[in-house]
Full PDB file with SEQRES, HELIX, SHEET, SSBOND, CRYST1, ORIGX, SCALE, CONECT and MASTER records, all heavy atoms in Angstrom:
SEQRES   1 A   42  ASP ASP GLU GLY THR SER GLN VAL TRP ASP THR VAL LYS          
SEQRES   2 A   42  GLN ILE ALA GLN ASP LYS THR LEU ILE ILE VAL GLU HIS          
SEQRES   3 A   42  LYS ILE ASN GLU ILE VAL GLU TRP VAL ASP ARG ILE ILE          
SEQRES   4 A   42  VAL LEU SER                                                  
HELIX    1 AA1 ASP A    2  ILE A   15  1                                  14    
CRYST1    1.000    1.000    1.000  90.00  90.00  90.00 P 1           1          
ORIGX1      1.000000  0.000000  0.000000        0.00000                         
ORIGX2      0.000000  1.000000  0.000000        0.00000                         
ORIGX3      0.000000  0.000000  1.000000        0.00000                         
SCALE1      1.000000  0.000000  0.000000        0.00000                         
SCALE2      0.000000  1.000000  0.000000        0.00000                         
SCALE3      0.000000  0.000000  1.000000        0.00000                         
ATOM      1  N   ASP A   1     173.821 194.128 162.777  1.00  0.00           N  
ATOM      2  CA  ASP A   1     172.833 193.168 163.211  1.00  0.00           C  
ATOM      3  C   ASP A   1     171.468 193.852 163.260  1.00  0.00           C  
ATOM      4  O   ASP A   1     171.337 195.058 163.022  1.00  0.00           O  
ATOM      5  CB  ASP A   1     173.201 192.567 164.570  1.00  0.00           C  
ATOM      6  CG  ASP A   1     173.458 193.624 165.635  1.00  0.00           C  
ATOM      7  OD1 ASP A   1     172.797 194.678 165.598  1.00  0.00           O  
ATOM      8  OD2 ASP A   1     174.312 193.396 166.504  1.00  0.00           O  
ATOM      9  N   ASP A   2     170.427 193.077 163.576  1.00  0.00           N  
ATOM     10  CA  ASP A   2     169.073 193.627 163.565  1.00  0.00           C  
ATOM     11  C   ASP A   2     168.926 194.790 164.541  1.00  0.00           C  
ATOM     12  O   ASP A   2     168.305 195.817 164.228  1.00  0.00           O  
ATOM     13  CB  ASP A   2     168.054 192.535 163.908  1.00  0.00           C  
ATOM     14  CG  ASP A   2     167.917 191.514 162.801  1.00  0.00           C  
ATOM     15  OD1 ASP A   2     168.349 191.801 161.674  1.00  0.00           O  
ATOM     16  OD2 ASP A   2     167.367 190.422 163.061  1.00  0.00           O  
ATOM     17  N   GLU A   3     169.498 194.641 165.746  1.00  0.00           N  
ATOM     18  CA  GLU A   3     169.389 195.703 166.744  1.00  0.00           C  
ATOM     19  C   GLU A   3     170.122 196.954 166.272  1.00  0.00           C  
ATOM     20  O   GLU A   3     169.607 198.073 166.390  1.00  0.00           O  
ATOM     21  CB  GLU A   3     169.965 195.231 168.081  1.00  0.00           C  
ATOM     22  CG  GLU A   3     169.875 196.269 169.182  1.00  0.00           C  
ATOM     23  CD  GLU A   3     170.471 195.791 170.496  1.00  0.00           C  
ATOM     24  OE1 GLU A   3     170.924 194.632 170.556  1.00  0.00           O  
ATOM     25  OE2 GLU A   3     170.487 196.584 171.450  1.00  0.00           O  
ATOM     26  N   GLY A   4     171.326 196.767 165.732  1.00  0.00           N  
ATOM     27  CA  GLY A   4     172.087 197.907 165.248  1.00  0.00           C  
ATOM     28  C   GLY A   4     171.411 198.593 164.082  1.00  0.00           C  
ATOM     29  O   GLY A   4     171.421 199.818 163.971  1.00  0.00           O  
ATOM     30  N   THR A   5     170.812 197.798 163.191  1.00  0.00           N  
ATOM     31  CA  THR A   5     170.084 198.366 162.057  1.00  0.00           C  
ATOM     32  C   THR A   5     168.936 199.237 162.538  1.00  0.00           C  
ATOM     33  O   THR A   5     168.744 200.368 162.068  1.00  0.00           O  
ATOM     34  CB  THR A   5     169.540 197.240 161.156  1.00  0.00           C  
ATOM     35  OG1 THR A   5     170.637 196.511 160.601  1.00  0.00           O  
ATOM     36  CG2 THR A   5     168.691 197.800 160.033  1.00  0.00           C  
ATOM     37  N   SER A   6     168.177 198.726 163.494  1.00  0.00           N  
ATOM     38  CA  SER A   6     167.053 199.503 164.033  1.00  0.00           C  
ATOM     39  C   SER A   6     167.546 200.777 164.714  1.00  0.00           C  
ATOM     40  O   SER A   6     166.932 201.844 164.569  1.00  0.00           O  
ATOM     41  CB  SER A   6     166.256 198.645 165.029  1.00  0.00           C  
ATOM     42  OG  SER A   6     165.648 197.556 164.374  1.00  0.00           O  
ATOM     43  N   GLN A   7     168.642 200.671 165.459  1.00  0.00           N  
ATOM     44  CA  GLN A   7     169.186 201.840 166.155  1.00  0.00           C  
ATOM     45  C   GLN A   7     169.596 202.930 165.169  1.00  0.00           C  
ATOM     46  O   GLN A   7     169.284 204.113 165.372  1.00  0.00           O  
ATOM     47  CB  GLN A   7     170.381 201.440 167.021  1.00  0.00           C  
ATOM     48  CG  GLN A   7     170.026 200.687 168.285  1.00  0.00           C  
ATOM     49  CD  GLN A   7     171.259 200.298 169.081  1.00  0.00           C  
ATOM     50  OE1 GLN A   7     172.386 200.348 168.586  1.00  0.00           O  
ATOM     51  NE2 GLN A   7     171.051 199.905 170.322  1.00  0.00           N  
ATOM     52  N   VAL A   8     170.270 202.531 164.116  1.00  0.00           N  
ATOM     53  CA  VAL A   8     170.733 203.524 163.135  1.00  0.00           C  
ATOM     54  C   VAL A   8     169.549 204.197 162.456  1.00  0.00           C  
ATOM     55  O   VAL A   8     169.487 205.430 162.334  1.00  0.00           O  
ATOM     56  CB  VAL A   8     171.664 202.871 162.098  1.00  0.00           C  
ATOM     57  CG1 VAL A   8     171.868 203.809 160.895  1.00  0.00           C  
ATOM     58  CG2 VAL A   8     173.010 202.548 162.727  1.00  0.00           C  
ATOM     59  N   TRP A   9     168.563 203.399 162.015  1.00  0.00           N  
ATOM     60  CA  TRP A   9     167.430 204.005 161.309  1.00  0.00           C  
ATOM     61  C   TRP A   9     166.557 204.815 162.247  1.00  0.00           C  
ATOM     62  O   TRP A   9     166.003 205.850 161.847  1.00  0.00           O  
ATOM     63  CB  TRP A   9     166.612 202.941 160.584  1.00  0.00           C  
ATOM     64  CG  TRP A   9     167.292 202.445 159.346  1.00  0.00           C  
ATOM     65  CD1 TRP A   9     167.620 201.168 159.042  1.00  0.00           C  
ATOM     66  CD2 TRP A   9     167.752 203.233 158.246  1.00  0.00           C  
ATOM     67  NE1 TRP A   9     168.259 201.104 157.825  1.00  0.00           N  
ATOM     68  CE2 TRP A   9     168.349 202.357 157.317  1.00  0.00           C  
ATOM     69  CE3 TRP A   9     167.730 204.595 157.948  1.00  0.00           C  
ATOM     70  CZ2 TRP A   9     168.908 202.797 156.111  1.00  0.00           C  
ATOM     71  CZ3 TRP A   9     168.285 205.040 156.757  1.00  0.00           C  
ATOM     72  CH2 TRP A   9     168.856 204.141 155.856  1.00  0.00           C  
ATOM     73  N   ASP A  10     166.423 204.386 163.511  1.00  0.00           N  
ATOM     74  CA  ASP A  10     165.686 205.206 164.480  1.00  0.00           C  
ATOM     75  C   ASP A  10     166.376 206.558 164.662  1.00  0.00           C  
ATOM     76  O   ASP A  10     165.723 207.607 164.743  1.00  0.00           O  
ATOM     77  CB  ASP A  10     165.603 204.486 165.828  1.00  0.00           C  
ATOM     78  CG  ASP A  10     164.616 203.329 165.811  1.00  0.00           C  
ATOM     79  OD1 ASP A  10     163.816 203.261 164.861  1.00  0.00           O  
ATOM     80  OD2 ASP A  10     164.657 202.499 166.748  1.00  0.00           O  
ATOM     81  N   THR A  11     167.709 206.522 164.702  1.00  0.00           N  
ATOM     82  CA  THR A  11     168.480 207.758 164.838  1.00  0.00           C  
ATOM     83  C   THR A  11     168.290 208.657 163.621  1.00  0.00           C  
ATOM     84  O   THR A  11     168.052 209.864 163.745  1.00  0.00           O  
ATOM     85  CB  THR A  11     169.974 207.449 165.017  1.00  0.00           C  
ATOM     86  OG1 THR A  11     170.162 206.712 166.231  1.00  0.00           O  
ATOM     87  CG2 THR A  11     170.792 208.722 165.071  1.00  0.00           C  
ATOM     88  N   VAL A  12     168.385 208.059 162.435  1.00  0.00           N  
ATOM     89  CA  VAL A  12     168.225 208.839 161.204  1.00  0.00           C  
ATOM     90  C   VAL A  12     166.842 209.487 161.170  1.00  0.00           C  
ATOM     91  O   VAL A  12     166.688 210.671 160.826  1.00  0.00           O  
ATOM     92  CB  VAL A  12     168.447 207.959 159.969  1.00  0.00           C  
ATOM     93  CG1 VAL A  12     168.081 208.713 158.695  1.00  0.00           C  
ATOM     94  CG2 VAL A  12     169.894 207.496 159.899  1.00  0.00           C  
ATOM     95  N   LYS A  13     165.834 208.718 161.524  1.00  0.00           N  
ATOM     96  CA  LYS A  13     164.467 209.250 161.504  1.00  0.00           C  
ATOM     97  C   LYS A  13     164.291 210.411 162.473  1.00  0.00           C  
ATOM     98  O   LYS A  13     163.563 211.372 162.197  1.00  0.00           O  
ATOM     99  CB  LYS A  13     163.477 208.128 161.824  1.00  0.00           C  
ATOM    100  CG  LYS A  13     163.389 207.056 160.750  1.00  0.00           C  
ATOM    101  CD  LYS A  13     162.544 205.869 161.192  1.00  0.00           C  
ATOM    102  CE  LYS A  13     162.578 204.757 160.164  1.00  0.00           C  
ATOM    103  NZ  LYS A  13     161.812 203.561 160.593  1.00  0.00           N  
ATOM    104  N   GLN A  14     164.988 210.346 163.611  1.00  0.00           N  
ATOM    105  CA  GLN A  14     164.876 211.410 164.607  1.00  0.00           C  
ATOM    106  C   GLN A  14     165.581 212.681 164.155  1.00  0.00           C  
ATOM    107  O   GLN A  14     165.039 213.783 164.286  1.00  0.00           O  
ATOM    108  CB  GLN A  14     165.466 210.941 165.940  1.00  0.00           C  
ATOM    109  CG  GLN A  14     164.645 209.867 166.641  1.00  0.00           C  
ATOM    110  CD  GLN A  14     165.357 209.303 167.855  1.00  0.00           C  
ATOM    111  OE1 GLN A  14     166.365 209.845 168.303  1.00  0.00           O  
ATOM    112  NE2 GLN A  14     164.836 208.201 168.394  1.00  0.00           N  
ATOM    113  N   ILE A  15     166.785 212.524 163.626  1.00  0.00           N  
ATOM    114  CA  ILE A  15     167.597 213.716 163.311  1.00  0.00           C  
ATOM    115  C   ILE A  15     167.323 214.253 161.910  1.00  0.00           C  
ATOM    116  O   ILE A  15     167.773 215.359 161.572  1.00  0.00           O  
ATOM    117  CB  ILE A  15     169.100 213.430 163.489  1.00  0.00           C  
ATOM    118  CG1 ILE A  15     169.565 212.321 162.520  1.00  0.00           C  
ATOM    119  CG2 ILE A  15     169.393 213.039 164.913  1.00  0.00           C  
ATOM    120  CD1 ILE A  15     170.156 212.769 161.253  1.00  0.00           C  
ATOM    121  N   ALA A  16     166.611 213.492 161.090  1.00  0.00           N  
ATOM    122  CA  ALA A  16     166.448 213.886 159.697  1.00  0.00           C  
ATOM    123  C   ALA A  16     165.009 214.191 159.320  1.00  0.00           C  
ATOM    124  O   ALA A  16     164.664 214.178 158.139  1.00  0.00           O  
ATOM    125  CB  ALA A  16     166.998 212.789 158.788  1.00  0.00           C  
ATOM    126  N   GLN A  17     164.175 214.511 160.294  1.00  0.00           N  
ATOM    127  CA  GLN A  17     162.772 214.780 159.984  1.00  0.00           C  
ATOM    128  C   GLN A  17     162.618 215.929 158.998  1.00  0.00           C  
ATOM    129  O   GLN A  17     161.742 215.912 158.135  1.00  0.00           O  
ATOM    130  CB  GLN A  17     162.007 215.078 161.273  1.00  0.00           C  
ATOM    131  CG  GLN A  17     161.884 213.880 162.207  1.00  0.00           C  
ATOM    132  CD  GLN A  17     161.048 214.190 163.452  1.00  0.00           C  
ATOM    133  OE1 GLN A  17     160.414 215.248 163.517  1.00  0.00           O  
ATOM    134  NE2 GLN A  17     161.052 213.294 164.410  1.00  0.00           N  
ATOM    135  N   ASP A  18     163.468 216.941 159.121  1.00  0.00           N  
ATOM    136  CA  ASP A  18     163.377 218.098 158.224  1.00  0.00           C  
ATOM    137  C   ASP A  18     164.523 218.148 157.228  1.00  0.00           C  
ATOM    138  O   ASP A  18     164.735 219.165 156.574  1.00  0.00           O  
ATOM    139  CB  ASP A  18     163.358 219.391 159.047  1.00  0.00           C  
ATOM    140  CG  ASP A  18     164.604 219.541 159.911  1.00  0.00           C  
ATOM    141  OD1 ASP A  18     165.346 218.551 160.085  1.00  0.00           O  
ATOM    142  OD2 ASP A  18     164.829 220.661 160.416  1.00  0.00           O  
ATOM    143  N   LYS A  19     165.274 217.037 157.104  1.00  0.00           N  
ATOM    144  CA  LYS A  19     166.404 217.006 156.185  1.00  0.00           C  
ATOM    145  C   LYS A  19     166.047 216.234 154.920  1.00  0.00           C  
ATOM    146  O   LYS A  19     165.127 215.403 154.901  1.00  0.00           O  
ATOM    147  CB  LYS A  19     167.625 216.351 156.849  1.00  0.00           C  
ATOM    148  CG  LYS A  19     168.258 217.173 157.970  1.00  0.00           C  
ATOM    149  CD  LYS A  19     169.506 216.488 158.481  1.00  0.00           C  
ATOM    150  CE  LYS A  19     170.141 217.261 159.637  1.00  0.00           C  
ATOM    151  NZ  LYS A  19     170.630 218.580 159.188  1.00  0.00           N  
ATOM    152  N   THR A  20     166.813 216.496 153.887  1.00  0.00           N  
ATOM    153  CA  THR A  20     166.694 215.735 152.646  1.00  0.00           C  
ATOM    154  C   THR A  20     167.583 214.493 152.752  1.00  0.00           C  
ATOM    155  O   THR A  20     168.743 214.591 153.155  1.00  0.00           O  
ATOM    156  CB  THR A  20     167.133 216.590 151.449  1.00  0.00           C  
ATOM    157  OG1 THR A  20     166.407 217.823 151.450  1.00  0.00           O  
ATOM    158  CG2 THR A  20     166.912 215.856 150.148  1.00  0.00           C  
ATOM    159  N   LEU A  21     167.036 213.341 152.393  1.00  0.00           N  
ATOM    160  CA  LEU A  21     167.802 212.101 152.424  1.00  0.00           C  
ATOM    161  C   LEU A  21     167.703 211.394 151.086  1.00  0.00           C  
ATOM    162  O   LEU A  21     166.618 211.295 150.499  1.00  0.00           O  
ATOM    163  CB  LEU A  21     167.261 211.148 153.505  1.00  0.00           C  
ATOM    164  CG  LEU A  21     167.914 211.181 154.874  1.00  0.00           C  
ATOM    165  CD1 LEU A  21     167.452 212.404 155.640  1.00  0.00           C  
ATOM    166  CD2 LEU A  21     167.577 209.916 155.650  1.00  0.00           C  
ATOM    167  N   ILE A  22     168.842 210.900 150.614  1.00  0.00           N  
ATOM    168  CA  ILE A  22     168.874 210.024 149.446  1.00  0.00           C  
ATOM    169  C   ILE A  22     169.604 208.765 149.891  1.00  0.00           C  
ATOM    170  O   ILE A  22     170.771 208.821 150.292  1.00  0.00           O  
ATOM    171  CB  ILE A  22     169.557 210.679 148.243  1.00  0.00           C  
ATOM    172  CG1 ILE A  22     168.874 212.000 147.900  1.00  0.00           C  
ATOM    173  CG2 ILE A  22     169.530 209.738 147.040  1.00  0.00           C  
ATOM    174  CD1 ILE A  22     169.494 212.739 146.733  1.00  0.00           C  
ATOM    175  N   ILE A  23     168.911 207.641 149.817  1.00  0.00           N  
ATOM    176  CA  ILE A  23     169.390 206.414 150.442  1.00  0.00           C  
ATOM    177  C   ILE A  23     169.539 205.303 149.408  1.00  0.00           C  
ATOM    178  O   ILE A  23     168.637 205.062 148.598  1.00  0.00           O  
ATOM    179  CB  ILE A  23     168.396 205.940 151.532  1.00  0.00           C  
ATOM    180  CG1 ILE A  23     168.118 207.054 152.550  1.00  0.00           C  
ATOM    181  CG2 ILE A  23     168.899 204.677 152.231  1.00  0.00           C  
ATOM    182  CD1 ILE A  23     166.871 206.801 153.389  1.00  0.00           C  
ATOM    183  N   VAL A  24     170.686 204.629 149.451  1.00  0.00           N  
ATOM    184  CA  VAL A  24     170.854 203.361 148.749  1.00  0.00           C  
ATOM    185  C   VAL A  24     170.892 202.284 149.822  1.00  0.00           C  
ATOM    186  O   VAL A  24     171.696 202.341 150.745  1.00  0.00           O  
ATOM    187  CB  VAL A  24     172.152 203.335 147.922  1.00  0.00           C  
ATOM    188  CG1 VAL A  24     172.418 201.925 147.387  1.00  0.00           C  
ATOM    189  CG2 VAL A  24     172.084 204.330 146.773  1.00  0.00           C  
ATOM    190  N   GLU A  25     170.009 201.305 149.715  1.00  0.00           N  
ATOM    191  CA  GLU A  25     169.919 200.283 150.769  1.00  0.00           C  
ATOM    192  C   GLU A  25     169.229 199.045 150.230  1.00  0.00           C  
ATOM    193  O   GLU A  25     168.205 199.138 149.555  1.00  0.00           O  
ATOM    194  CB  GLU A  25     169.145 200.853 151.967  1.00  0.00           C  
ATOM    195  CG  GLU A  25     168.983 199.900 153.143  1.00  0.00           C  
ATOM    196  CD  GLU A  25     170.302 199.527 153.782  1.00  0.00           C  
ATOM    197  OE1 GLU A  25     170.962 198.611 153.248  1.00  0.00           O  
ATOM    198  OE2 GLU A  25     170.667 200.134 154.803  1.00  0.00           O  
ATOM    199  N   HIS A  26     169.829 197.874 150.509  1.00  0.00           N  
ATOM    200  CA  HIS A  26     169.181 196.615 150.155  1.00  0.00           C  
ATOM    201  C   HIS A  26     168.253 196.133 151.269  1.00  0.00           C  
ATOM    202  O   HIS A  26     167.268 195.448 151.001  1.00  0.00           O  
ATOM    203  CB  HIS A  26     170.237 195.537 149.865  1.00  0.00           C  
ATOM    204  CG  HIS A  26     170.956 195.735 148.572  1.00  0.00           C  
ATOM    205  ND1 HIS A  26     170.303 195.786 147.353  1.00  0.00           N  
ATOM    206  CD2 HIS A  26     172.269 195.885 148.287  1.00  0.00           C  
ATOM    207  CE1 HIS A  26     171.181 195.953 146.383  1.00  0.00           C  
ATOM    208  NE2 HIS A  26     172.381 196.022 146.924  1.00  0.00           N  
ATOM    209  N   LYS A  27     168.589 196.455 152.528  1.00  0.00           N  
ATOM    210  CA  LYS A  27     167.760 196.038 153.668  1.00  0.00           C  
ATOM    211  C   LYS A  27     166.658 197.086 153.860  1.00  0.00           C  
ATOM    212  O   LYS A  27     166.818 198.043 154.605  1.00  0.00           O  
ATOM    213  CB  LYS A  27     168.624 195.911 154.920  1.00  0.00           C  
ATOM    214  CG  LYS A  27     169.669 194.816 154.821  1.00  0.00           C  
ATOM    215  CD  LYS A  27     170.798 194.993 155.820  1.00  0.00           C  
ATOM    216  CE  LYS A  27     170.335 195.013 157.250  1.00  0.00           C  
ATOM    217  NZ  LYS A  27     171.460 195.086 158.206  1.00  0.00           N  
ATOM    218  N   ILE A  28     165.544 196.889 153.185  1.00  0.00           N  
ATOM    219  CA  ILE A  28     164.564 197.964 153.064  1.00  0.00           C  
ATOM    220  C   ILE A  28     163.449 197.908 154.100  1.00  0.00           C  
ATOM    221  O   ILE A  28     162.672 198.861 154.211  1.00  0.00           O  
ATOM    222  CB  ILE A  28     163.925 197.958 151.654  1.00  0.00           C  
ATOM    223  CG1 ILE A  28     163.193 196.632 151.399  1.00  0.00           C  
ATOM    224  CG2 ILE A  28     164.995 198.195 150.594  1.00  0.00           C  
ATOM    225  CD1 ILE A  28     162.457 196.587 150.081  1.00  0.00           C  
ATOM    226  N   ASN A  29     163.350 196.834 154.872  1.00  0.00           N  
ATOM    227  CA  ASN A  29     162.181 196.670 155.747  1.00  0.00           C  
ATOM    228  C   ASN A  29     162.024 197.796 156.766  1.00  0.00           C  
ATOM    229  O   ASN A  29     160.910 198.179 157.124  1.00  0.00           O  
ATOM    230  CB  ASN A  29     162.269 195.325 156.473  1.00  0.00           C  
ATOM    231  CG  ASN A  29     162.043 194.154 155.537  1.00  0.00           C  
ATOM    232  OD1 ASN A  29     161.488 194.315 154.460  1.00  0.00           O  
ATOM    233  ND2 ASN A  29     162.520 192.981 155.918  1.00  0.00           N  
ATOM    234  N   GLU A  30     163.161 198.333 157.264  1.00  0.00           N  
ATOM    235  CA  GLU A  30     163.115 199.360 158.298  1.00  0.00           C  
ATOM    236  C   GLU A  30     162.654 200.722 157.771  1.00  0.00           C  
ATOM    237  O   GLU A  30     162.229 201.573 158.541  1.00  0.00           O  
ATOM    238  CB  GLU A  30     164.490 199.511 158.947  1.00  0.00           C  
ATOM    239  CG  GLU A  30     164.927 198.325 159.792  1.00  0.00           C  
ATOM    240  CD  GLU A  30     164.387 198.397 161.207  1.00  0.00           C  
ATOM    241  OE1 GLU A  30     163.851 199.468 161.583  1.00  0.00           O  
ATOM    242  OE2 GLU A  30     164.499 197.396 161.935  1.00  0.00           O  
ATOM    243  N   ILE A  31     162.756 200.929 156.459  1.00  0.00           N  
ATOM    244  CA  ILE A  31     162.520 202.282 155.945  1.00  0.00           C  
ATOM    245  C   ILE A  31     161.485 202.375 154.844  1.00  0.00           C  
ATOM    246  O   ILE A  31     161.115 203.472 154.437  1.00  0.00           O  
ATOM    247  CB  ILE A  31     163.846 202.904 155.430  1.00  0.00           C  
ATOM    248  CG1 ILE A  31     164.486 202.003 154.348  1.00  0.00           C  
ATOM    249  CG2 ILE A  31     164.791 203.164 156.568  1.00  0.00           C  
ATOM    250  CD1 ILE A  31     165.686 202.643 153.675  1.00  0.00           C  
ATOM    251  N   VAL A  32     161.016 201.232 154.355  1.00  0.00           N  
ATOM    252  CA  VAL A  32     160.160 201.270 153.172  1.00  0.00           C  
ATOM    253  C   VAL A  32     158.873 202.046 153.422  1.00  0.00           C  
ATOM    254  O   VAL A  32     158.347 202.722 152.515  1.00  0.00           O  
ATOM    255  CB  VAL A  32     159.868 199.831 152.684  1.00  0.00           C  
ATOM    256  CG1 VAL A  32     159.007 199.071 153.698  1.00  0.00           C  
ATOM    257  CG2 VAL A  32     159.191 199.853 151.326  1.00  0.00           C  
ATOM    258  N   GLU A  33     158.343 202.018 154.643  1.00  0.00           N  
ATOM    259  CA  GLU A  33     157.122 202.749 154.939  1.00  0.00           C  
ATOM    260  C   GLU A  33     157.400 204.201 155.328  1.00  0.00           C  
ATOM    261  O   GLU A  33     156.464 204.982 155.497  1.00  0.00           O  
ATOM    262  CB  GLU A  33     156.354 202.053 156.081  1.00  0.00           C  
ATOM    263  CG  GLU A  33     155.930 200.622 155.769  1.00  0.00           C  
ATOM    264  CD  GLU A  33     154.937 200.571 154.623  1.00  0.00           C  
ATOM    265  OE1 GLU A  33     154.225 201.569 154.419  1.00  0.00           O  
ATOM    266  OE2 GLU A  33     154.896 199.533 153.918  1.00  0.00           O  
ATOM    267  N   TRP A  34     158.663 204.545 155.483  1.00  0.00           N  
ATOM    268  CA  TRP A  34     159.046 205.881 155.958  1.00  0.00           C  
ATOM    269  C   TRP A  34     159.432 206.817 154.822  1.00  0.00           C  
ATOM    270  O   TRP A  34     159.181 208.024 154.896  1.00  0.00           O  
ATOM    271  CB  TRP A  34     160.203 205.734 156.963  1.00  0.00           C  
ATOM    272  CG  TRP A  34     160.758 207.024 157.472  1.00  0.00           C  
ATOM    273  CD1 TRP A  34     160.123 207.961 158.230  1.00  0.00           C  
ATOM    274  CD2 TRP A  34     162.084 207.519 157.269  1.00  0.00           C  
ATOM    275  NE1 TRP A  34     160.961 209.001 158.526  1.00  0.00           N  
ATOM    276  CE2 TRP A  34     162.172 208.765 157.943  1.00  0.00           C  
ATOM    277  CE3 TRP A  34     163.196 207.030 156.601  1.00  0.00           C  
ATOM    278  CZ2 TRP A  34     163.349 209.515 157.946  1.00  0.00           C  
ATOM    279  CZ3 TRP A  34     164.367 207.774 156.606  1.00  0.00           C  
ATOM    280  CH2 TRP A  34     164.424 209.004 157.277  1.00  0.00           C  
ATOM    281  N   VAL A  35     160.043 206.277 153.782  1.00  0.00           N  
ATOM    282  CA  VAL A  35     160.498 207.141 152.687  1.00  0.00           C  
ATOM    283  C   VAL A  35     159.306 207.668 151.901  1.00  0.00           C  
ATOM    284  O   VAL A  35     158.232 207.060 151.853  1.00  0.00           O  
ATOM    285  CB  VAL A  35     161.472 206.400 151.743  1.00  0.00           C  
ATOM    286  CG1 VAL A  35     162.729 205.994 152.498  1.00  0.00           C  
ATOM    287  CG2 VAL A  35     160.814 205.177 151.112  1.00  0.00           C  
ATOM    288  N   ASP A  36     159.491 208.843 151.290  1.00  0.00           N  
ATOM    289  CA  ASP A  36     158.427 209.468 150.496  1.00  0.00           C  
ATOM    290  C   ASP A  36     158.360 208.917 149.077  1.00  0.00           C  
ATOM    291  O   ASP A  36     157.299 208.956 148.441  1.00  0.00           O  
ATOM    292  CB  ASP A  36     158.671 210.985 150.409  1.00  0.00           C  
ATOM    293  CG  ASP A  36     158.768 211.635 151.772  1.00  0.00           C  
ATOM    294  OD1 ASP A  36     157.867 211.415 152.596  1.00  0.00           O  
ATOM    295  OD2 ASP A  36     159.759 212.365 152.014  1.00  0.00           O  
ATOM    296  N   ARG A  37     159.480 208.405 148.611  1.00  0.00           N  
ATOM    297  CA  ARG A  37     159.585 208.161 147.176  1.00  0.00           C  
ATOM    298  C   ARG A  37     160.620 207.069 146.914  1.00  0.00           C  
ATOM    299  O   ARG A  37     161.641 206.993 147.610  1.00  0.00           O  
ATOM    300  CB  ARG A  37     160.003 209.468 146.515  1.00  0.00           C  
ATOM    301  CG  ARG A  37     160.245 209.472 145.030  1.00  0.00           C  
ATOM    302  CD  ARG A  37     160.667 210.883 144.646  1.00  0.00           C  
ATOM    303  NE  ARG A  37     161.118 211.020 143.271  1.00  0.00           N  
ATOM    304  CZ  ARG A  37     161.797 212.065 142.815  1.00  0.00           C  
ATOM    305  NH1 ARG A  37     162.083 213.075 143.629  1.00  0.00           N  
ATOM    306  NH2 ARG A  37     162.181 212.117 141.554  1.00  0.00           N  
ATOM    307  N   ILE A  38     160.364 206.242 145.923  1.00  0.00           N  
ATOM    308  CA  ILE A  38     161.315 205.217 145.503  1.00  0.00           C  
ATOM    309  C   ILE A  38     161.644 205.428 144.035  1.00  0.00           C  
ATOM    310  O   ILE A  38     160.748 205.590 143.196  1.00  0.00           O  
ATOM    311  CB  ILE A  38     160.750 203.804 145.728  1.00  0.00           C  
ATOM    312  CG1 ILE A  38     160.674 203.503 147.229  1.00  0.00           C  
ATOM    313  CG2 ILE A  38     161.609 202.755 145.037  1.00  0.00           C  
ATOM    314  CD1 ILE A  38     160.127 202.131 147.546  1.00  0.00           C  
ATOM    315  N   ILE A  39     162.930 205.447 143.736  1.00  0.00           N  
ATOM    316  CA  ILE A  39     163.415 205.554 142.361  1.00  0.00           C  
ATOM    317  C   ILE A  39     164.155 204.274 142.024  1.00  0.00           C  
ATOM    318  O   ILE A  39     165.023 203.832 142.794  1.00  0.00           O  
ATOM    319  CB  ILE A  39     164.340 206.769 142.180  1.00  0.00           C  
ATOM    320  CG1 ILE A  39     163.578 208.069 142.459  1.00  0.00           C  
ATOM    321  CG2 ILE A  39     164.947 206.783 140.777  1.00  0.00           C  
ATOM    322  CD1 ILE A  39     164.464 209.304 142.442  1.00  0.00           C  
ATOM    323  N   VAL A  40     163.814 203.655 140.907  1.00  0.00           N  
ATOM    324  CA  VAL A  40     164.420 202.380 140.512  1.00  0.00           C  
ATOM    325  C   VAL A  40     165.268 202.586 139.270  1.00  0.00           C  
ATOM    326  O   VAL A  40     164.809 203.167 138.280  1.00  0.00           O  
ATOM    327  CB  VAL A  40     163.346 201.316 140.234  1.00  0.00           C  
ATOM    328  CG1 VAL A  40     163.998 199.984 139.850  1.00  0.00           C  
ATOM    329  CG2 VAL A  40     162.436 201.135 141.446  1.00  0.00           C  
ATOM    330  N   LEU A  41     166.524 202.108 139.332  1.00  0.00           N  
ATOM    331  CA  LEU A  41     167.427 202.138 138.187  1.00  0.00           C  
ATOM    332  C   LEU A  41     167.473 200.770 137.527  1.00  0.00           C  
ATOM    333  O   LEU A  41     167.467 199.737 138.202  1.00  0.00           O  
ATOM    334  CB  LEU A  41     168.844 202.531 138.614  1.00  0.00           C  
ATOM    335  CG  LEU A  41     169.054 203.926 139.198  1.00  0.00           C  
ATOM    336  CD1 LEU A  41     170.533 204.138 139.517  1.00  0.00           C  
ATOM    337  CD2 LEU A  41     168.566 205.007 138.249  1.00  0.00           C  
ATOM    338  N   SER A  42     167.542 200.764 136.218  1.00  0.00           N  
ATOM    339  CA  SER A  42     167.727 199.525 135.465  1.00  0.00           C  
ATOM    340  C   SER A  42     169.201 199.132 135.505  1.00  0.00           C  
ATOM    341  O   SER A  42     170.049 199.923 135.941  1.00  0.00           O  
ATOM    342  CB  SER A  42     167.296 199.730 134.011  1.00  0.00           C  
ATOM    343  OG  SER A  42     168.239 200.565 133.340  1.00  0.00           O  
TER     344      SER A  42                                                      
MASTER        0    0    0    1    0    0    0    6  343    1    0    4          
END                                                                             
């Protein structure tokens, strides 16, 4: 749900500040401004 989605991404942002992340996600609103880079596959 929306609350759970926010909780998970808040957690990821806290614990992964210095980590490398590669994410596949359709629900992009929570992270689109946070990620450094977007790669699009055809």
